Amino acid sequence: MSFDSDQYVYIMERLKEAELGDLASQLDQEVRQGRAVPEEELKQEQQSQYEARASRLAETKLQRLGESDVAVIPYTGDESIGLIRGALLTLAETMYASRKASLDTAVAHEMHPTIEFGDPDLETPSYIDLEQETAQARVALELVRELLSEGIDTHAEAIR
């Protein structure tokens, strides 16, 4: 898949619409920070960037990059989209796995799958139904997998 800035904008807008603004901000910050690359890898992968960086260092009379030095380079468009896709998939998988493990533990110990929070004498307690939460997390995981397998290109077309 080739990068299109519309894809990036589309994903960020969808995360914010889904009330995942904090996640969108974290992902955006990660993308903007770039990635750390050892000097040797920079020399092999990004010859033009390596030469430009070496030229700038020479112009400012700074030492050239050594083998143990690390440079920060921007993510490519495809890397940015890949980072976001990986984070979303990991989040969905973790959500489902943690809820499933909690439900399995409750069932194994013959506990009721509904957890109550709060003191009923002092306040109206809050409840979490592990069966319902696990089912919702499974649906979310399937949706994320489906969206990622379809590719973002088809969804980006919808906003054009």
Protein backbone atom coordinates (compact mmCIF):
# COMPACT_ATOMS: atom_id res chain seq x y z
CA MET A 1 0.00 0.00 0.00
CA SER A 2 1.36 3.41 -0.84
CA PHE A 3 0.99 6.27 1.57
CA ASP A 4 -1.53 9.01 1.03
CA SER A 5 -1.80 11.79 3.61
CA ASP A 6 -5.59 11.49 3.29
CA GLN A 7 -5.30 7.99 4.75
CA TYR A 8 -3.45 9.31 7.78
CA VAL A 9 -5.97 12.12 8.29
CA TYR A 10 -8.85 9.68 7.83
CA ILE A 11 -7.53 7.30 10.49
CA MET A 12 -6.90 10.10 12.99
CA GLU A 13 -10.38 11.56 12.43
CA ARG A 14 -12.00 8.15 12.87
CA LEU A 15 -10.11 7.58 16.13
CA LYS A 16 -11.28 10.95 17.44
CA GLU A 17 -14.88 10.23 16.36
CA ALA A 18 -14.68 6.92 18.24
CA GLU A 19 -13.68 8.84 21.38
CA LEU A 20 -10.11 7.59 21.10
CA GLY A 21 -8.57 11.04 20.92
CA ASP A 22 -5.87 10.15 23.45
CA LEU A 23 -4.81 7.19 21.31
CA ALA A 24 -4.81 9.39 18.21
CA SER A 25 -2.62 11.95 20.00
CA GLN A 26 -0.16 9.27 21.14
CA LEU A 27 0.10 7.78 17.66
CA ASP A 28 0.47 11.21 16.07
CA GLN A 29 3.24 12.10 18.52
CA GLU A 30 5.06 8.84 17.79
CA VAL A 31 4.84 9.43 14.04
CA ARG A 32 6.07 13.01 14.38
CA GLN A 33 9.02 11.99 16.59
CA GLY A 34 10.38 9.70 13.92
CA ARG A 35 12.42 6.60 14.48
CA ALA A 36 15.92 6.14 15.82
CA VAL A 37 18.27 4.53 13.33
CA PRO A 38 21.84 3.42 14.02
CA GLU A 39 24.42 5.11 11.78
CA GLU A 40 25.26 1.88 9.95
CA GLU A 41 21.60 1.23 9.08
CA LEU A 42 21.16 4.84 7.96
CA LYS A 43 24.17 4.49 5.69
CA GLN A 44 22.74 1.30 4.12
CA GLU A 45 19.05 2.23 3.86
CA GLN A 46 19.05 5.96 3.36
CA GLN A 47 22.21 6.78 1.40
CA SER A 48 20.89 10.17 0.24
CA GLN A 49 19.80 11.14 3.77
CA TYR A 50 23.10 9.91 5.16
CA GLU A 51 25.09 11.97 2.68
CA ALA A 52 22.93 15.06 3.31
CA ARG A 53 23.36 14.69 7.07
CA ALA A 54 27.12 14.18 6.72
CA SER A 55 27.31 17.28 4.52
CA ARG A 56 25.40 19.37 7.08
CA LEU A 57 27.66 18.13 9.86
CA ALA A 58 30.75 19.02 7.83
CA GLU A 59 29.38 22.50 7.05
CA THR A 60 28.87 23.20 10.74
CA LYS A 61 32.28 21.71 11.53
CA LEU A 62 30.80 18.96 13.66
CA GLN A 63 32.17 15.46 13.89
CA ARG A 64 30.80 12.97 11.37
CA LEU A 65 28.48 10.23 12.57
CA GLY A 66 30.25 7.35 14.24
CA GLU A 67 29.26 3.71 14.06
CA SER A 68 27.65 3.81 17.51
CA ASP A 69 25.72 7.06 16.82
CA VAL A 70 21.98 7.09 16.30
CA ALA A 71 20.05 9.45 14.06
CA VAL A 72 16.34 10.21 14.20
CA ILE A 73 14.67 10.14 10.82
CA PRO A 74 11.03 10.67 9.94
CA TYR A 75 8.82 7.70 9.28
CA THR A 76 7.94 7.21 5.66
CA GLY A 77 4.27 7.43 4.82
CA ASP A 78 3.97 3.66 4.61
CA GLU A 79 5.79 3.28 7.94
CA SER A 80 3.40 5.78 9.55
CA ILE A 81 0.36 3.87 8.36
CA GLY A 82 2.00 0.58 9.39
CA LEU A 83 2.70 1.95 12.86
CA ILE A 84 -0.92 3.00 13.28
CA ARG A 85 -2.27 -0.28 11.93
CA GLY A 86 -0.01 -2.27 14.26
CA ALA A 87 -1.01 -0.20 17.28
CA LEU A 88 -4.72 -0.59 16.56
CA LEU A 89 -4.42 -4.33 16.08
CA THR A 90 -2.35 -4.72 19.26
CA LEU A 91 -4.86 -2.63 21.21
CA ALA A 92 -7.83 -4.68 19.99
CA GLU A 93 -6.05 -7.99 20.62
CA THR A 94 -5.04 -6.90 24.13
CA MET A 95 -8.56 -5.69 24.94
CA TYR A 96 -10.02 -9.02 23.95
CA ALA A 97 -7.33 -11.17 25.55
CA SER A 98 -7.49 -9.38 28.91
CA ARG A 99 -11.28 -9.61 29.10
CA LYS A 100 -11.27 -13.24 27.99
CA ALA A 101 -8.65 -14.12 30.60
CA SER A 102 -10.72 -12.41 33.31
CA LEU A 103 -13.85 -14.25 32.22
CA ASP A 104 -12.01 -17.58 32.03
CA THR A 105 -10.62 -17.03 35.53
CA ALA A 106 -14.08 -16.22 36.89
CA VAL A 107 -15.57 -19.33 35.26
CA ALA A 108 -12.69 -21.57 36.42
CA HIS A 109 -13.19 -20.42 40.02
CA GLU A 110 -16.97 -20.69 39.74
CA MET A 111 -17.37 -16.97 40.33
CA HIS A 112 -20.19 -14.85 38.98
CA PRO A 113 -19.07 -13.13 35.76
CA THR A 114 -20.44 -9.76 36.91
CA ILE A 115 -18.09 -7.59 38.95
CA GLU A 116 -19.57 -5.00 41.30
CA PHE A 117 -17.70 -1.84 42.27
CA GLY A 118 -18.60 0.39 45.19
CA ASP A 119 -20.23 0.04 48.57
CA PRO A 120 -24.00 -0.54 48.18
CA ASP A 121 -24.57 1.06 51.58
CA LEU A 122 -22.90 4.32 50.50
CA GLU A 123 -23.55 4.58 46.77
CA THR A 124 -25.11 2.94 43.79
CA PRO A 125 -22.57 0.33 42.72
CA SER A 126 -21.18 0.11 39.20
CA TYR A 127 -21.13 -3.19 37.35
CA ILE A 128 -19.03 -4.83 34.71
CA ASP A 129 -20.39 -7.93 33.03
CA LEU A 130 -17.34 -9.91 31.90
CA GLU A 131 -19.38 -11.95 29.41
CA GLN A 132 -20.73 -8.79 27.78
CA GLU A 133 -17.35 -7.02 27.87
CA THR A 134 -15.63 -10.05 26.32
CA ALA A 135 -18.24 -10.28 23.56
CA GLN A 136 -17.90 -6.55 22.80
CA ALA A 137 -14.09 -6.80 22.74
CA ARG A 138 -14.32 -9.80 20.38
CA VAL A 139 -16.56 -7.78 18.03
CA ALA A 140 -14.12 -4.85 18.19
CA LEU A 141 -11.19 -7.15 17.40
CA GLU A 142 -13.02 -8.67 14.44
CA LEU A 143 -13.92 -5.19 13.19
CA VAL A 144 -10.33 -3.98 13.44
CA ARG A 145 -9.07 -7.10 11.66
CA GLU A 146 -11.71 -6.65 8.95
CA LEU A 147 -10.88 -2.97 8.45
CA LEU A 148 -7.16 -3.67 8.29
CA SER A 149 -7.58 -6.57 5.89
CA GLU A 150 -9.73 -4.41 3.59
CA GLY A 151 -7.02 -1.81 3.58
CA ILE A 152 -7.39 1.83 4.36
CA ASP A 153 -7.43 2.86 0.70
CA THR A 154 -11.11 1.98 0.28
CA HIS A 155 -12.08 3.98 3.38
CA ALA A 156 -10.02 6.98 2.36
CA GLU A 157 -11.92 7.09 -0.93
CA ALA A 158 -15.12 7.70 1.03
CA ILE A 159 -13.86 11.04 2.35
CA ARG A 160 -12.77 12.44 -1.02
